[in-house]
Amino acid sequence: MFEDERWYRIAQRVEPNARLVRAWPLTGGISAQVVALEIERASGERHMLVLRRHGEVDLAHNPHIAAHEFRLLQLVQTAGIAAPAPCFLDESCDLLPTPYLVMEFIDGEPDFAPDNRTELTNQMADQLARIHRIDAAQHNLAFLPHMTEQFARRLQTRPATLDESLSESRIRDALELNWPRPPRNADVLLHGDYWPGNILWKNGRLAAVIDWEDMALGDPLGDLANARLELLFFFGPDALHAFTNRYLTQAPLDTTDLPYWDLSVALRPIAPFTTMFPDEPTATTMRTRHRWFVEQALEKIGAR
């Protein structure tokens, strides 16, 4: 049951002359509460909005994450990136217990069974290259964390129990000896979690890149590596290679350190796979592909 009065008052703040028609939760969010708001303007036109409240973990790391995501969405909109337009930001916490932002509703959904996998990987690669072409030096983005430092903190303390089914000790051994890497590419704006679940599609076209709460600055190889692993998980090695090749034709980079970035992102899914993928055959496939991903990276750096 929603707090109807509060959703009504929020809608009034976003558009004072509009009427709230309905509000309902949007499924699929893990790190945030996402609510759809349908409003009716004075003209009688109906309009869809999305309210986003970040979760406790994100707020603990960054109490101003809503404002930062709002600001970043303004920037990527100006740069012509396919992303929701930000509409309203409220950090007062007088209606809801945490800050929230409101953005336009994008008509689309993730596609994990595309009719044309090549077209999907091409469009994803093209959009990521566009994001990375935003001139970060021209904008005041000092509020963003640096991805290299984020990974360095992850390596500082080993968990008491390592998941050896995912080669965690071998990954950490290789990275602890070789991190941070010397800068080889200019820092760019990073999405931070670029994967098929954060891409909305409509009629076979990429409609929007969503969920920018992991935004960061850093080597574009960080975003590239994350997308490579996720595409491998869901679509297999051919999609990984096709995506990588397409991206690099538009963003010629020094890829010397790509194996190290591959290993860095390979630490991210070392949460229990049974939680992420309760279907055992799917979990087995994911583990097999993760193992291949780690092995190819270790082989390239001579650490097998």
C-alpha atoms as a PDB file:
ATOM      1  CA  MET A   1       0.000   0.000   0.000  1.00  0.00           C
ATOM      2  CA  PHE A   2       1.457   3.329  -1.063  1.00  0.00           C
ATOM      3  CA  GLU A   3       1.395   6.552   0.934  1.00  0.00           C
ATOM      4  CA  ASP A   4      -1.184   8.040  -1.472  1.00  0.00           C
ATOM      5  CA  GLU A   5      -1.177  11.482   0.117  1.00  0.00           C
ATOM      6  CA  ARG A   6       2.590  11.743  -0.142  1.00  0.00           C
ATOM      7  CA  TRP A   7       2.647  10.662  -3.793  1.00  0.00           C
ATOM      8  CA  TYR A   8      -0.039  13.255  -4.497  1.00  0.00           C
ATOM      9  CA  ARG A   9       1.970  16.001  -2.824  1.00  0.00           C
ATOM     10  CA  ILE A  10       5.128  14.954  -4.646  1.00  0.00           C
ATOM     11  CA  ALA A  11       3.313  15.120  -7.977  1.00  0.00           C
ATOM     12  CA  GLN A  12       2.194  18.637  -7.063  1.00  0.00           C
ATOM     13  CA  ARG A  13       5.777  19.628  -6.403  1.00  0.00           C
ATOM     14  CA  VAL A  14       6.929  18.290  -9.744  1.00  0.00           C
ATOM     15  CA  GLU A  15       4.101  19.977 -11.674  1.00  0.00           C
ATOM     16  CA  PRO A  16       1.939  22.255  -9.463  1.00  0.00           C
ATOM     17  CA  ASN A  17      -1.025  22.302 -11.857  1.00  0.00           C
ATOM     18  CA  ALA A  18      -1.070  18.543 -12.462  1.00  0.00           C
ATOM     19  CA  ARG A  19      -3.247  15.863 -10.860  1.00  0.00           C
ATOM     20  CA  LEU A  20      -1.905  12.498  -9.734  1.00  0.00           C
ATOM     21  CA  VAL A  21      -3.824   9.733 -11.496  1.00  0.00           C
ATOM     22  CA  ARG A  22      -2.075   6.735 -10.001  1.00  0.00           C
ATOM     23  CA  ALA A  23       1.215   5.511  -8.481  1.00  0.00           C
ATOM     24  CA  TRP A  24       2.648   2.008  -8.492  1.00  0.00           C
ATOM     25  CA  PRO A  25       5.995   0.287  -7.870  1.00  0.00           C
ATOM     26  CA  LEU A  26       8.264  -0.634 -10.757  1.00  0.00           C
ATOM     27  CA  THR A  27       9.858  -4.054 -10.417  1.00  0.00           C
ATOM     28  CA  GLY A  28      13.464  -4.930 -11.107  1.00  0.00           C
ATOM     29  CA  GLY A  29      15.145  -2.374  -8.883  1.00  0.00           C
ATOM     30  CA  ILE A  30      17.678  -3.809  -6.431  1.00  0.00           C
ATOM     31  CA  SER A  31      19.545  -0.836  -4.998  1.00  0.00           C
ATOM     32  CA  ALA A  32      16.681   1.672  -5.041  1.00  0.00           C
ATOM     33  CA  GLN A  33      12.928   2.063  -4.625  1.00  0.00           C
ATOM     34  CA  VAL A  34      11.381   2.997  -7.962  1.00  0.00           C
ATOM     35  CA  VAL A  35       7.813   4.262  -8.287  1.00  0.00           C
ATOM     36  CA  ALA A  36       5.877   5.193 -11.426  1.00  0.00           C
ATOM     37  CA  LEU A  37       3.685   8.289 -11.234  1.00  0.00           C
ATOM     38  CA  GLU A  38       1.023   9.027 -13.819  1.00  0.00           C
ATOM     39  CA  ILE A  39      -0.097  12.639 -13.790  1.00  0.00           C
ATOM     40  CA  GLU A  40      -2.723  14.584 -15.702  1.00  0.00           C
ATOM     41  CA  ARG A  41      -1.833  18.116 -16.696  1.00  0.00           C
ATOM     42  CA  ALA A  42      -4.291  21.016 -16.825  1.00  0.00           C
ATOM     43  CA  SER A  43      -4.548  20.465 -20.597  1.00  0.00           C
ATOM     44  CA  GLY A  44      -5.858  16.949 -19.980  1.00  0.00           C
ATOM     45  CA  GLU A  45      -2.628  15.377 -21.270  1.00  0.00           C
ATOM     46  CA  ARG A  46      -1.365  12.453 -19.242  1.00  0.00           C
ATOM     47  CA  HIS A  47       2.332  12.109 -18.541  1.00  0.00           C
ATOM     48  CA  MET A  48       4.431   9.377 -16.938  1.00  0.00           C
ATOM     49  CA  LEU A  49       7.189  10.014 -14.414  1.00  0.00           C
ATOM     50  CA  VAL A  50       9.520   7.834 -12.355  1.00  0.00           C
ATOM     51  CA  LEU A  51      10.462   8.565  -8.741  1.00  0.00           C
ATOM     52  CA  ARG A  52      13.733   7.055  -7.541  1.00  0.00           C
ATOM     53  CA  ARG A  53      14.912   6.688  -3.934  1.00  0.00           C
ATOM     54  CA  HIS A  54      18.357   5.213  -3.347  1.00  0.00           C
ATOM     55  CA  GLY A  55      18.876   2.405  -0.877  1.00  0.00           C
ATOM     56  CA  GLU A  56      20.709   2.392   2.430  1.00  0.00           C
ATOM     57  CA  VAL A  57      23.995   1.085   1.006  1.00  0.00           C
ATOM     58  CA  ASP A  58      24.238   3.798  -1.652  1.00  0.00           C
ATOM     59  CA  LEU A  59      23.237   6.517   0.826  1.00  0.00           C
ATOM     60  CA  ALA A  60      25.853   5.328   3.312  1.00  0.00           C
ATOM     61  CA  HIS A  61      28.553   5.703   0.655  1.00  0.00           C
ATOM     62  CA  ASN A  62      27.198   8.990  -0.667  1.00  0.00           C
ATOM     63  CA  PRO A  63      24.435  10.888   1.192  1.00  0.00           C
ATOM     64  CA  HIS A  64      24.078  13.228  -1.823  1.00  0.00           C
ATOM     65  CA  ILE A  65      23.721  10.482  -4.413  1.00  0.00           C
ATOM     66  CA  ALA A  66      20.272  11.682  -5.529  1.00  0.00           C
ATOM     67  CA  ALA A  67      21.592  15.175  -6.263  1.00  0.00           C
ATOM     68  CA  HIS A  68      24.633  13.772  -8.011  1.00  0.00           C
ATOM     69  CA  GLU A  69      22.569  11.454 -10.199  1.00  0.00           C
ATOM     70  CA  PHE A  70      20.204  14.329 -11.020  1.00  0.00           C
ATOM     71  CA  ARG A  71      23.131  16.512 -12.034  1.00  0.00           C
ATOM     72  CA  LEU A  72      24.675  13.759 -14.113  1.00  0.00           C
ATOM     73  CA  LEU A  73      21.411  13.092 -15.931  1.00  0.00           C
ATOM     74  CA  GLN A  74      21.290  16.779 -16.830  1.00  0.00           C
ATOM     75  CA  LEU A  75      24.785  16.484 -18.288  1.00  0.00           C
ATOM     76  CA  VAL A  76      24.188  13.350 -20.347  1.00  0.00           C
ATOM     77  CA  GLN A  77      20.909  14.767 -21.638  1.00  0.00           C
ATOM     78  CA  THR A  78      22.760  17.832 -22.882  1.00  0.00           C
ATOM     79  CA  ALA A  79      25.308  15.548 -24.540  1.00  0.00           C
ATOM     80  CA  GLY A  80      22.593  13.660 -26.433  1.00  0.00           C
ATOM     81  CA  ILE A  81      22.908  10.379 -24.526  1.00  0.00           C
ATOM     82  CA  ALA A  82      19.820   8.143 -24.462  1.00  0.00           C
ATOM     83  CA  ALA A  83      18.892   8.537 -20.807  1.00  0.00           C
ATOM     84  CA  PRO A  84      15.844   9.683 -18.795  1.00  0.00           C
ATOM     85  CA  ALA A  85      15.466  13.446 -18.513  1.00  0.00           C
ATOM     86  CA  PRO A  86      15.626  14.622 -14.861  1.00  0.00           C
ATOM     87  CA  CYS A  87      12.551  16.589 -13.772  1.00  0.00           C
ATOM     88  CA  PHE A  88      12.746  17.237 -10.042  1.00  0.00           C
ATOM     89  CA  LEU A  89      15.051  16.794  -7.055  1.00  0.00           C
ATOM     90  CA  ASP A  90      14.008  16.903  -3.391  1.00  0.00           C
ATOM     91  CA  GLU A  91      16.554  16.575  -0.573  1.00  0.00           C
ATOM     92  CA  SER A  92      14.281  18.080   2.111  1.00  0.00           C
ATOM     93  CA  CYS A  93      13.172  14.671   3.483  1.00  0.00           C
ATOM     94  CA  ASP A  94       9.936  16.249   4.715  1.00  0.00           C
ATOM     95  CA  LEU A  95       7.669  13.895   2.750  1.00  0.00           C
ATOM     96  CA  LEU A  96       9.887  10.834   2.350  1.00  0.00           C
ATOM     97  CA  PRO A  97      12.617   9.803   4.797  1.00  0.00           C
ATOM     98  CA  THR A  98      15.382  10.024   2.177  1.00  0.00           C
ATOM     99  CA  PRO A  99      16.102  12.277  -0.831  1.00  0.00           C
ATOM    100  CA  TYR A 100      14.555  11.391  -4.171  1.00  0.00           C
ATOM    101  CA  LEU A 101      14.691  12.441  -7.782  1.00  0.00           C
ATOM    102  CA  VAL A 102      11.952  12.354 -10.394  1.00  0.00           C
ATOM    103  CA  MET A 103      12.675  11.706 -14.052  1.00  0.00           C
ATOM    104  CA  GLU A 104      10.762  11.056 -17.221  1.00  0.00           C
ATOM    105  CA  PHE A 105       9.356   7.577 -17.799  1.00  0.00           C
ATOM    106  CA  ILE A 106      10.983   5.747 -20.703  1.00  0.00           C
ATOM    107  CA  ASP A 107       8.762   3.304 -22.560  1.00  0.00           C
ATOM    108  CA  GLY A 108      10.973   0.252 -22.918  1.00  0.00           C
ATOM    109  CA  GLU A 109      12.343  -2.784 -21.125  1.00  0.00           C
ATOM    110  CA  PRO A 110      15.544  -4.845 -20.899  1.00  0.00           C
ATOM    111  CA  ASP A 111      15.891  -7.565 -23.512  1.00  0.00           C
ATOM    112  CA  PHE A 112      17.637 -10.793 -22.508  1.00  0.00           C
ATOM    113  CA  ALA A 113      16.378 -12.746 -25.533  1.00  0.00           C
ATOM    114  CA  PRO A 114      16.900 -10.427 -28.519  1.00  0.00           C
ATOM    115  CA  ASP A 115      15.870 -11.480 -32.010  1.00  0.00           C
ATOM    116  CA  ASN A 116      19.079  -9.943 -33.362  1.00  0.00           C
ATOM    117  CA  ARG A 117      21.926 -10.287 -30.872  1.00  0.00           C
ATOM    118  CA  THR A 118      24.419  -8.580 -33.181  1.00  0.00           C
ATOM    119  CA  GLU A 119      22.248  -5.481 -33.404  1.00  0.00           C
ATOM    120  CA  LEU A 120      21.896  -5.413 -29.622  1.00  0.00           C
ATOM    121  CA  THR A 121      25.642  -5.587 -29.019  1.00  0.00           C
ATOM    122  CA  ASN A 122      26.312  -2.986 -31.729  1.00  0.00           C
ATOM    123  CA  GLN A 123      23.874  -0.485 -30.260  1.00  0.00           C
ATOM    124  CA  MET A 124      25.185  -1.066 -26.739  1.00  0.00           C
ATOM    125  CA  ALA A 125      28.767  -0.518 -27.922  1.00  0.00           C
ATOM    126  CA  ASP A 126      27.834   2.620 -29.854  1.00  0.00           C
ATOM    127  CA  GLN A 127      26.038   4.138 -26.867  1.00  0.00           C
ATOM    128  CA  LEU A 128      28.899   3.392 -24.468  1.00  0.00           C
ATOM    129  CA  ALA A 129      31.351   5.031 -26.873  1.00  0.00           C
ATOM    130  CA  ARG A 130      29.119   8.133 -26.939  1.00  0.00           C
ATOM    131  CA  ILE A 131      29.073   8.264 -23.136  1.00  0.00           C
ATOM    132  CA  HIS A 132      32.854   8.063 -23.018  1.00  0.00           C
ATOM    133  CA  ARG A 133      33.212  10.858 -25.583  1.00  0.00           C
ATOM    134  CA  ILE A 134      31.678  13.373 -23.157  1.00  0.00           C
ATOM    135  CA  ASP A 135      34.500  15.768 -22.305  1.00  0.00           C
ATOM    136  CA  ALA A 136      34.731  15.266 -18.547  1.00  0.00           C
ATOM    137  CA  ALA A 137      37.375  18.000 -18.271  1.00  0.00           C
ATOM    138  CA  GLN A 138      34.844  20.626 -19.394  1.00  0.00           C
ATOM    139  CA  HIS A 139      32.478  19.872 -16.517  1.00  0.00           C
ATOM    140  CA  ASN A 140      32.860  20.076 -12.762  1.00  0.00           C
ATOM    141  CA  LEU A 141      32.671  16.384 -11.935  1.00  0.00           C
ATOM    142  CA  ALA A 142      34.813  16.424  -8.816  1.00  0.00           C
ATOM    143  CA  PHE A 143      31.858  14.972  -6.882  1.00  0.00           C
ATOM    144  CA  LEU A 144      32.277  11.665  -8.706  1.00  0.00           C
ATOM    145  CA  PRO A 145      34.446   8.899  -7.206  1.00  0.00           C
ATOM    146  CA  HIS A 146      37.368   7.491  -9.159  1.00  0.00           C
ATOM    147  CA  MET A 147      36.908   3.879 -10.220  1.00  0.00           C
ATOM    148  CA  THR A 148      40.576   2.963  -9.704  1.00  0.00           C
ATOM    149  CA  GLU A 149      40.332   4.068  -6.077  1.00  0.00           C
ATOM    150  CA  GLN A 150      37.067   2.173  -5.630  1.00  0.00           C
ATOM    151  CA  PHE A 151      38.733  -1.054  -6.754  1.00  0.00           C
ATOM    152  CA  ALA A 152      41.789  -0.322  -4.596  1.00  0.00           C
ATOM    153  CA  ARG A 153      39.551  -0.161  -1.505  1.00  0.00           C
ATOM    154  CA  ARG A 154      37.957  -3.445  -2.494  1.00  0.00           C
ATOM    155  CA  LEU A 155      41.404  -5.056  -2.501  1.00  0.00           C
ATOM    156  CA  GLN A 156      42.567  -3.627   0.825  1.00  0.00           C
ATOM    157  CA  THR A 157      41.067  -6.329   3.012  1.00  0.00           C
ATOM    158  CA  ARG A 158      40.493  -9.910   1.960  1.00  0.00           C
ATOM    159  CA  PRO A 159      37.225 -11.485   3.094  1.00  0.00           C
ATOM    160  CA  ALA A 160      37.574 -14.133   5.767  1.00  0.00           C
ATOM    161  CA  THR A 161      36.179 -16.696   3.322  1.00  0.00           C
ATOM    162  CA  LEU A 162      37.083 -16.658  -0.348  1.00  0.00           C
ATOM    163  CA  ASP A 163      34.971 -18.239  -3.066  1.00  0.00           C
ATOM    164  CA  GLU A 164      37.466 -20.549  -4.713  1.00  0.00           C
ATOM    165  CA  SER A 165      34.842 -21.883  -7.110  1.00  0.00           C
ATOM    166  CA  LEU A 166      35.211 -18.459  -8.711  1.00  0.00           C
ATOM    167  CA  SER A 167      39.029 -18.341  -8.329  1.00  0.00           C
ATOM    168  CA  GLU A 168      38.812 -15.456  -5.893  1.00  0.00           C
ATOM    169  CA  SER A 169      42.238 -15.992  -4.338  1.00  0.00           C
ATOM    170  CA  ARG A 170      43.909 -16.140  -7.775  1.00  0.00           C
ATOM    171  CA  ILE A 171      42.141 -12.939  -8.834  1.00  0.00           C
ATOM    172  CA  ARG A 172      43.189 -11.162  -5.666  1.00  0.00           C
ATOM    173  CA  ASP A 173      46.772 -12.459  -5.888  1.00  0.00           C
ATOM    174  CA  ALA A 174      47.127 -11.057  -9.396  1.00  0.00           C
ATOM    175  CA  LEU A 175      45.537  -7.708  -8.597  1.00  0.00           C
ATOM    176  CA  GLU A 176      47.217  -7.101  -5.249  1.00  0.00           C
ATOM    177  CA  LEU A 177      50.586  -7.331  -6.980  1.00  0.00           C
ATOM    178  CA  ASN A 178      49.583  -5.073  -9.875  1.00  0.00           C
ATOM    179  CA  TRP A 179      47.094  -2.467  -8.632  1.00  0.00           C
ATOM    180  CA  PRO A 180      46.686   0.394  -9.216  1.00  0.00           C
ATOM    181  CA  ARG A 181      47.746   0.364 -12.823  1.00  0.00           C
ATOM    182  CA  PRO A 182      49.644   3.338 -14.278  1.00  0.00           C
ATOM    183  CA  PRO A 183      47.321   5.650 -16.270  1.00  0.00           C
ATOM    184  CA  ARG A 184      47.277   4.723 -19.959  1.00  0.00           C
ATOM    185  CA  ASN A 185      43.990   6.319 -21.064  1.00  0.00           C
ATOM    186  CA  ALA A 186      42.461   9.669 -20.209  1.00  0.00           C
ATOM    187  CA  ASP A 187      39.802   9.612 -17.489  1.00  0.00           C
ATOM    188  CA  VAL A 188      36.245   9.724 -18.806  1.00  0.00           C
ATOM    189  CA  LEU A 189      32.753   9.755 -17.383  1.00  0.00           C
ATOM    190  CA  LEU A 190      31.819   6.161 -16.531  1.00  0.00           C
ATOM    191  CA  HIS A 191      28.318   4.761 -16.155  1.00  0.00           C
ATOM    192  CA  GLY A 192      29.697   2.323 -13.605  1.00  0.00           C
ATOM    193  CA  ASP A 193      27.234  -0.533 -14.188  1.00  0.00           C
ATOM    194  CA  TYR A 194      26.788  -0.836 -17.942  1.00  0.00           C
ATOM    195  CA  TRP A 195      25.039  -4.152 -18.591  1.00  0.00           C
ATOM    196  CA  PRO A 196      21.923  -5.447 -20.418  1.00  0.00           C
ATOM    197  CA  GLY A 197      19.747  -5.028 -17.321  1.00  0.00           C
ATOM    198  CA  ASN A 198      20.356  -1.268 -17.379  1.00  0.00           C
ATOM    199  CA  ILE A 199      19.446  -0.856 -21.048  1.00  0.00           C
ATOM    200  CA  LEU A 200      15.828  -0.277 -22.115  1.00  0.00           C
ATOM    201  CA  TRP A 201      14.733  -1.300 -25.618  1.00  0.00           C
ATOM    202  CA  LYS A 202      11.711  -0.371 -27.716  1.00  0.00           C
ATOM    203  CA  ASN A 203      10.985  -1.977 -31.098  1.00  0.00           C
ATOM    204  CA  GLY A 204      14.550  -3.214 -31.409  1.00  0.00           C
ATOM    205  CA  ARG A 205      16.108   0.186 -30.693  1.00  0.00           C
ATOM    206  CA  LEU A 206      18.022   1.277 -27.608  1.00  0.00           C
ATOM    207  CA  ALA A 207      15.632   3.617 -25.804  1.00  0.00           C
ATOM    208  CA  ALA A 208      17.619   4.554 -22.703  1.00  0.00           C
ATOM    209  CA  VAL A 209      20.517   3.782 -20.412  1.00  0.00           C
ATOM    210  CA  ILE A 210      19.214   3.820 -16.840  1.00  0.00           C
ATOM    211  CA  ASP A 211      20.442   3.493 -13.229  1.00  0.00           C
ATOM    212  CA  TRP A 212      23.363   5.919 -13.087  1.00  0.00           C
ATOM    213  CA  GLU A 213      23.960   5.623  -9.340  1.00  0.00           C
ATOM    214  CA  ASP A 214      27.367   3.912  -9.856  1.00  0.00           C
ATOM    215  CA  MET A 215      28.649   6.851 -11.917  1.00  0.00           C
ATOM    216  CA  ALA A 216      32.388   7.469 -11.637  1.00  0.00           C
ATOM    217  CA  LEU A 217      35.440   8.881 -13.357  1.00  0.00           C
ATOM    218  CA  GLY A 218      38.228   6.701 -14.634  1.00  0.00           C
ATOM    219  CA  ASP A 219      39.720   4.592 -17.381  1.00  0.00           C
ATOM    220  CA  PRO A 220      37.046   3.698 -19.963  1.00  0.00           C
ATOM    221  CA  LEU A 221      38.330   0.128 -19.771  1.00  0.00           C
ATOM    222  CA  GLY A 222      36.458  -0.144 -16.463  1.00  0.00           C
ATOM    223  CA  ASP A 223      33.075   0.241 -18.141  1.00  0.00           C
ATOM    224  CA  LEU A 224      34.204  -1.890 -21.070  1.00  0.00           C
ATOM    225  CA  ALA A 225      35.275  -4.758 -18.817  1.00  0.00           C
ATOM    226  CA  ASN A 226      32.028  -4.717 -16.856  1.00  0.00           C
ATOM    227  CA  ALA A 227      29.961  -4.872 -20.035  1.00  0.00           C
ATOM    228  CA  ARG A 228      32.162  -7.661 -21.409  1.00  0.00           C
ATOM    229  CA  LEU A 229      31.542  -9.869 -18.380  1.00  0.00           C
ATOM    230  CA  GLU A 230      27.810  -9.218 -18.289  1.00  0.00           C
ATOM    231  CA  LEU A 231      27.403  -9.872 -22.014  1.00  0.00           C
ATOM    232  CA  LEU A 232      29.364 -13.099 -21.568  1.00  0.00           C
ATOM    233  CA  PHE A 233      27.016 -14.134 -18.759  1.00  0.00           C
ATOM    234  CA  PHE A 234      23.829 -13.589 -20.720  1.00  0.00           C
ATOM    235  CA  PHE A 235      24.817 -14.059 -24.374  1.00  0.00           C
ATOM    236  CA  GLY A 236      28.127 -15.932 -24.477  1.00  0.00           C
ATOM    237  CA  PRO A 237      31.689 -15.342 -25.766  1.00  0.00           C
ATOM    238  CA  ASP A 238      30.687 -14.272 -29.284  1.00  0.00           C
ATOM    239  CA  ALA A 239      28.702 -11.342 -27.882  1.00  0.00           C
ATOM    240  CA  LEU A 240      31.633 -10.354 -25.657  1.00  0.00           C
ATOM    241  CA  HIS A 241      34.038 -10.264 -28.611  1.00  0.00           C
ATOM    242  CA  ALA A 242      31.608  -8.521 -30.951  1.00  0.00           C
ATOM    243  CA  PHE A 243      30.850  -5.830 -28.375  1.00  0.00           C
ATOM    244  CA  THR A 244      34.540  -5.270 -27.602  1.00  0.00           C
ATOM    245  CA  ASN A 245      35.546  -4.994 -31.261  1.00  0.00           C
ATOM    246  CA  ARG A 246      32.684  -2.641 -32.099  1.00  0.00           C
ATOM    247  CA  TYR A 247      33.443  -0.392 -29.144  1.00  0.00           C
ATOM    248  CA  LEU A 248      37.181  -0.204 -29.860  1.00  0.00           C
ATOM    249  CA  THR A 249      36.621   0.847 -33.477  1.00  0.00           C
ATOM    250  CA  GLN A 250      35.014   4.016 -32.079  1.00  0.00           C
ATOM    251  CA  ALA A 251      37.177   4.491 -29.001  1.00  0.00           C
ATOM    252  CA  PRO A 252      40.766   3.606 -29.864  1.00  0.00           C
ATOM    253  CA  LEU A 253      42.349   2.953 -26.478  1.00  0.00           C
ATOM    254  CA  ASP A 254      45.470   1.452 -25.033  1.00  0.00           C
ATOM    255  CA  THR A 255      44.089  -1.969 -24.063  1.00  0.00           C
ATOM    256  CA  THR A 256      47.249  -3.207 -22.345  1.00  0.00           C
ATOM    257  CA  ASP A 257      45.493  -3.220 -18.980  1.00  0.00           C
ATOM    258  CA  LEU A 258      42.158  -4.665 -20.111  1.00  0.00           C
ATOM    259  CA  PRO A 259      42.983  -8.064 -18.489  1.00  0.00           C
ATOM    260  CA  TYR A 260      43.473  -6.317 -15.127  1.00  0.00           C
ATOM    261  CA  TRP A 261      40.152  -4.516 -15.481  1.00  0.00           C
ATOM    262  CA  ASP A 262      38.553  -7.836 -16.452  1.00  0.00           C
ATOM    263  CA  LEU A 263      39.856  -9.336 -13.197  1.00  0.00           C
ATOM    264  CA  SER A 264      38.681  -6.311 -11.219  1.00  0.00           C
ATOM    265  CA  VAL A 265      35.092  -6.601 -12.419  1.00  0.00           C
ATOM    266  CA  ALA A 266      35.254 -10.383 -11.979  1.00  0.00           C
ATOM    267  CA  LEU A 267      35.336  -9.738  -8.221  1.00  0.00           C
ATOM    268  CA  ARG A 268      31.934  -8.014  -8.361  1.00  0.00           C
ATOM    269  CA  PRO A 269      29.774 -11.124  -8.888  1.00  0.00           C
ATOM    270  CA  ILE A 270      31.485 -13.057  -6.099  1.00  0.00           C
ATOM    271  CA  ALA A 271      28.304 -12.792  -4.104  1.00  0.00           C
ATOM    272  CA  PRO A 272      26.486 -16.141  -3.830  1.00  0.00           C
ATOM    273  CA  PHE A 273      25.399 -17.080  -7.308  1.00  0.00           C
ATOM    274  CA  THR A 274      22.495 -19.038  -5.889  1.00  0.00           C
ATOM    275  CA  THR A 275      21.005 -15.728  -4.772  1.00  0.00           C
ATOM    276  CA  MET A 276      21.557 -14.012  -8.106  1.00  0.00           C
ATOM    277  CA  PHE A 277      20.532 -16.993 -10.222  1.00  0.00           C
ATOM    278  CA  PRO A 278      18.293 -19.392  -8.261  1.00  0.00           C
ATOM    279  CA  ASP A 279      17.881 -21.638 -11.299  1.00  0.00           C
ATOM    280  CA  GLU A 280      20.722 -24.170 -10.929  1.00  0.00           C
ATOM    281  CA  PRO A 281      21.421 -24.756 -14.659  1.00  0.00           C
ATOM    282  CA  THR A 282      21.680 -20.986 -15.157  1.00  0.00           C
ATOM    283  CA  ALA A 283      23.972 -20.620 -12.140  1.00  0.00           C
ATOM    284  CA  THR A 284      26.188 -23.399 -13.494  1.00  0.00           C
ATOM    285  CA  THR A 285      26.448 -21.668 -16.867  1.00  0.00           C
ATOM    286  CA  MET A 286      27.296 -18.382 -15.162  1.00  0.00           C
ATOM    287  CA  ARG A 287      30.037 -20.007 -13.100  1.00  0.00           C
ATOM    288  CA  THR A 288      31.509 -21.726 -16.151  1.00  0.00           C
ATOM    289  CA  ARG A 289      31.576 -18.478 -18.092  1.00  0.00           C
ATOM    290  CA  HIS A 290      33.008 -16.578 -15.131  1.00  0.00           C
ATOM    291  CA  ARG A 291      35.794 -19.172 -14.887  1.00  0.00           C
ATOM    292  CA  TRP A 292      36.580 -18.749 -18.598  1.00  0.00           C
ATOM    293  CA  PHE A 293      36.613 -14.957 -18.223  1.00  0.00           C
ATOM    294  CA  VAL A 294      39.085 -15.126 -15.336  1.00  0.00           C
ATOM    295  CA  GLU A 295      41.313 -17.661 -17.092  1.00  0.00           C
ATOM    296  CA  GLN A 296      41.611 -15.599 -20.271  1.00  0.00           C
ATOM    297  CA  ALA A 297      42.594 -12.548 -18.229  1.00  0.00           C
ATOM    298  CA  LEU A 298      45.156 -14.439 -16.132  1.00  0.00           C
ATOM    299  CA  GLU A 299      46.652 -15.978 -19.247  1.00  0.00           C
ATOM    300  CA  LYS A 300      47.110 -12.551 -20.860  1.00  0.00           C
ATOM    301  CA  ILE A 301      49.034 -11.219 -17.863  1.00  0.00           C
ATOM    302  CA  GLY A 302      51.051 -14.423 -17.492  1.00  0.00           C
ATOM    303  CA  ALA A 303      49.580 -15.339 -14.105  1.00  0.00           C
ATOM    304  CA  ARG A 304      48.015 -18.731 -14.788  1.00  0.00           C
END
